Amino acid sequence: MAEIGVHARGLPGLPEDHAKIPVWNAENWFYEDFAIGDKIRSIRRTIAEGESMQFNSLVMDHHPYVSDERFAVEEGVFGRRLVAGAFVFSLGLGLAATNCLNSFSYGYDRLRFIKPVFIGDTIYTIRENLAKEVHSEKMGKLRVSYSVYKGEGELVLYAEHLLTALYRDPAAFAEAAQERGRARMAEKAARG
């Protein structure tokens, strides 16, 4: 497992002795440091009424299921208000996100809202490294899952995050990256 929270990385304008101190949750991992099967678990977090409504207002999501208590109780399928799925997604990923200074978001796949989340529910996330592949001459591509749970381990959300990460040693991946580039060009030519 790659070490978390132990990497020092200086920033312009910091005194030298401050730059040597590890930065909390700012990892210095490279593609080579991501091991398939590694998992981390987040702390738990209870979702409050105020932050749920603030999120709804920020993104203009005023669907009755998330913002109208009377509708949700009297006419809704669940008998109470939901937390917006986009908020659960944001919180869930944020709970287990590492601020790796050498990786970049590439997109998301397989996002599923499996069970409802309600105001007052407590969630936590398990993140797992699923796959790695050569992507370019400078970066590899990673697939990482985020499984968000509530209560005593009830799965409520699943998503896969695609990201790229810089190689520590780009020369070690040069041949594979060139082959991947040739294969992509051949695919494009075949499609016309």
Protein backbone atom coordinates (compact mmCIF):
# COMPACT_ATOMS: atom_id res chain seq x y z
CA MET A 1 0.00 0.00 0.00
CA ALA A 2 1.32 3.44 -0.89
CA GLU A 3 1.96 5.60 2.16
CA ILE A 4 -0.61 8.29 2.90
CA GLY A 5 0.15 11.67 4.43
CA VAL A 6 3.93 11.42 4.60
CA HIS A 7 5.07 13.26 1.50
CA ALA A 8 6.79 16.63 1.71
CA ARG A 9 6.64 18.82 -1.37
CA GLY A 10 7.82 22.39 -1.23
CA LEU A 11 5.80 25.29 -2.55
CA PRO A 12 7.07 28.66 -3.73
CA GLY A 13 7.31 31.14 -0.87
CA LEU A 14 7.57 28.64 1.99
CA PRO A 15 10.52 28.73 4.37
CA GLU A 16 12.77 25.71 3.76
CA ASP A 17 12.05 24.16 7.17
CA HIS A 18 8.28 24.39 6.50
CA ALA A 19 8.62 22.86 3.02
CA LYS A 20 10.19 19.74 4.56
CA ILE A 21 7.09 19.01 6.67
CA PRO A 22 4.72 16.44 5.09
CA VAL A 23 1.53 17.97 3.72
CA TRP A 24 -1.67 16.45 5.04
CA ASN A 25 -3.52 14.55 2.33
CA ALA A 26 -1.33 15.80 -0.52
CA GLU A 27 0.30 12.66 -1.85
CA ASN A 28 3.29 12.58 -4.16
CA TRP A 29 2.41 9.24 -5.78
CA PHE A 30 3.35 8.38 -9.33
CA TYR A 31 1.73 5.78 -11.58
CA GLU A 32 4.19 3.15 -10.35
CA ASP A 33 3.03 3.68 -6.74
CA PHE A 34 -0.59 2.65 -7.35
CA ALA A 35 -0.98 -1.06 -6.55
CA ILE A 36 -4.01 -2.96 -7.81
CA GLY A 37 -6.14 -4.13 -4.88
CA ASP A 38 -5.01 -1.43 -2.45
CA LYS A 39 -7.96 -0.12 -0.42
CA ILE A 40 -8.53 2.78 1.92
CA ARG A 41 -11.56 3.50 4.13
CA SER A 42 -12.68 6.98 5.03
CA ILE A 43 -13.91 8.37 8.29
CA ARG A 44 -17.70 8.45 8.72
CA ARG A 45 -19.75 11.58 8.11
CA THR A 46 -23.34 12.43 9.04
CA ILE A 47 -25.26 14.46 6.46
CA ALA A 48 -27.00 17.47 8.05
CA GLU A 49 -30.20 19.24 7.01
CA GLY A 50 -28.53 22.61 6.40
CA GLU A 51 -25.75 21.36 4.13
CA SER A 52 -28.18 19.24 2.14
CA MET A 53 -30.43 22.24 1.47
CA GLN A 54 -27.42 24.46 0.75
CA PHE A 55 -26.23 21.97 -1.88
CA ASN A 56 -29.74 21.87 -3.40
CA SER A 57 -29.75 25.66 -3.62
CA LEU A 58 -26.25 25.87 -5.09
CA VAL A 59 -27.05 23.45 -7.91
CA MET A 60 -30.71 24.51 -8.27
CA ASP A 61 -32.02 21.02 -7.46
CA HIS A 62 -35.38 21.69 -5.89
CA HIS A 63 -37.07 18.43 -6.74
CA PRO A 64 -39.79 17.76 -4.15
CA TYR A 65 -38.04 14.59 -2.99
CA VAL A 66 -35.04 16.62 -1.77
CA SER A 67 -36.56 19.96 -0.81
CA ASP A 68 -40.27 19.59 0.07
CA GLU A 69 -40.78 17.88 3.44
CA ARG A 70 -44.57 17.76 3.18
CA PHE A 71 -44.51 16.23 -0.30
CA ALA A 72 -41.87 13.68 0.68
CA VAL A 73 -43.78 12.60 3.79
CA GLU A 74 -47.32 12.62 2.37
CA GLU A 75 -46.79 11.60 -1.26
CA GLY A 76 -43.21 10.40 -1.63
CA VAL A 77 -42.23 6.78 -2.12
CA PHE A 78 -39.78 6.81 0.81
CA GLY A 79 -41.87 8.73 3.38
CA ARG A 80 -39.14 11.29 3.98
CA ARG A 81 -36.79 13.63 2.11
CA LEU A 82 -33.79 12.29 0.24
CA VAL A 83 -30.30 13.73 0.06
CA ALA A 84 -29.63 14.62 -3.60
CA GLY A 85 -27.68 11.86 -5.33
CA ALA A 86 -25.17 14.36 -6.69
CA PHE A 87 -24.43 15.46 -3.12
CA VAL A 88 -23.97 11.88 -1.92
CA PHE A 89 -21.61 11.35 -4.88
CA SER A 90 -19.62 14.49 -4.03
CA LEU A 91 -19.40 13.68 -0.33
CA GLY A 92 -18.61 10.02 -0.91
CA LEU A 93 -15.73 10.72 -3.25
CA GLY A 94 -14.45 13.58 -1.14
CA LEU A 95 -14.30 11.38 1.95
CA ALA A 96 -11.76 9.04 0.34
CA ALA A 97 -10.10 11.37 -2.14
CA THR A 98 -6.38 11.85 -1.84
CA ASN A 99 -4.89 15.01 -3.23
CA CYS A 100 -2.25 13.28 -5.30
CA LEU A 101 -0.16 15.99 -6.87
CA ASN A 102 0.75 13.82 -9.87
CA SER A 103 -2.69 12.55 -10.93
CA PHE A 104 -5.54 14.12 -12.85
CA SER A 105 -9.22 13.23 -13.17
CA TYR A 106 -10.13 11.67 -16.52
CA GLY A 107 -13.81 10.91 -15.91
CA TYR A 108 -16.26 8.60 -14.17
CA ASP A 109 -17.90 5.32 -15.17
CA ARG A 110 -20.55 3.04 -13.71
CA LEU A 111 -22.11 5.60 -11.36
CA ARG A 112 -25.04 3.95 -9.62
CA PHE A 113 -27.36 5.22 -6.88
CA ILE A 114 -28.15 1.89 -5.25
CA LYS A 115 -30.12 2.85 -2.14
CA PRO A 116 -31.65 6.12 -0.91
CA VAL A 117 -29.76 8.35 1.50
CA PHE A 118 -31.72 10.51 3.92
CA ILE A 119 -30.91 13.60 5.97
CA GLY A 120 -29.28 12.39 9.17
CA ASP A 121 -27.71 9.28 7.58
CA THR A 122 -24.04 8.63 8.27
CA ILE A 123 -21.90 7.56 5.31
CA TYR A 124 -18.36 6.33 4.71
CA THR A 125 -16.41 5.29 1.63
CA ILE A 126 -14.09 2.49 0.60
CA ARG A 127 -11.79 3.27 -2.32
CA GLU A 128 -10.02 0.47 -4.23
CA ASN A 129 -7.44 0.53 -7.02
CA LEU A 130 -8.93 -1.69 -9.75
CA ALA A 131 -6.76 -1.43 -12.87
CA LYS A 132 -3.80 0.27 -14.53
CA GLU A 133 -2.80 0.70 -18.17
CA VAL A 134 -0.29 2.63 -20.20
CA HIS A 135 -1.97 5.75 -21.55
CA SER A 136 0.65 8.05 -23.09
CA GLU A 137 4.37 8.74 -22.99
CA LYS A 138 3.99 10.84 -19.82
CA MET A 139 1.05 9.23 -17.96
CA GLY A 140 -0.66 5.98 -17.19
CA LYS A 141 -4.40 5.55 -16.67
CA LEU A 142 -5.92 4.17 -13.48
CA ARG A 143 -9.39 2.88 -12.61
CA VAL A 144 -10.40 3.33 -8.97
CA SER A 145 -13.72 2.35 -7.38
CA TYR A 146 -15.60 4.31 -4.74
CA SER A 147 -18.18 2.33 -2.76
CA VAL A 148 -20.22 4.56 -0.44
CA TYR A 149 -21.97 2.93 2.51
CA LYS A 150 -24.41 4.12 5.16
CA GLY A 151 -25.18 2.86 8.62
CA GLU A 152 -23.89 -0.63 9.30
CA GLY A 153 -22.45 -1.21 5.82
CA GLU A 154 -25.40 -0.78 3.44
CA LEU A 155 -24.06 0.05 -0.04
CA VAL A 156 -25.76 3.22 -1.33
CA LEU A 157 -23.54 4.39 -4.21
CA TYR A 158 -20.91 2.93 -6.51
CA ALA A 159 -18.73 4.73 -9.05
CA GLU A 160 -15.49 4.14 -10.89
CA HIS A 161 -13.09 7.05 -11.26
CA LEU A 162 -10.72 7.13 -14.20
CA LEU A 163 -7.59 9.15 -13.67
CA THR A 164 -4.20 9.63 -15.20
CA ALA A 165 -0.98 9.70 -13.22
CA LEU A 166 2.49 10.83 -14.22
CA TYR A 167 5.17 8.16 -14.56
CA ARG A 168 8.10 8.46 -12.19
CA ASP A 169 10.24 6.92 -14.96
CA PRO A 170 8.66 7.73 -18.36
CA ALA A 171 11.42 5.87 -20.23
CA ALA A 172 10.21 2.58 -18.74
CA PHE A 173 6.84 3.06 -20.47
CA ALA A 174 7.98 4.65 -23.75
CA GLU A 175 7.79 1.52 -25.91
CA ALA A 176 4.36 0.51 -24.57
CA ALA A 177 3.07 4.08 -25.02
CA GLN A 178 4.28 4.18 -28.62
CA GLU A 179 2.62 0.83 -29.33
CA ARG A 180 -0.62 2.08 -27.80
CA GLY A 181 -0.43 5.19 -30.00
CA ARG A 182 0.08 3.06 -33.14
CA ALA A 183 -2.86 0.86 -32.18
CA ARG A 184 -5.12 3.93 -31.74
CA MET A 185 -4.07 5.28 -35.14
CA ALA A 186 -4.83 1.89 -36.75
CA GLU A 187 -8.28 1.84 -35.13
CA LYS A 188 -9.04 5.34 -36.46
CA ALA A 189 -7.88 4.38 -39.94
CA ALA A 190 -10.06 1.26 -39.90
CA ARG A 191 -13.12 3.34 -39.00
CA GLY A 192 -12.44 5.62 -41.93
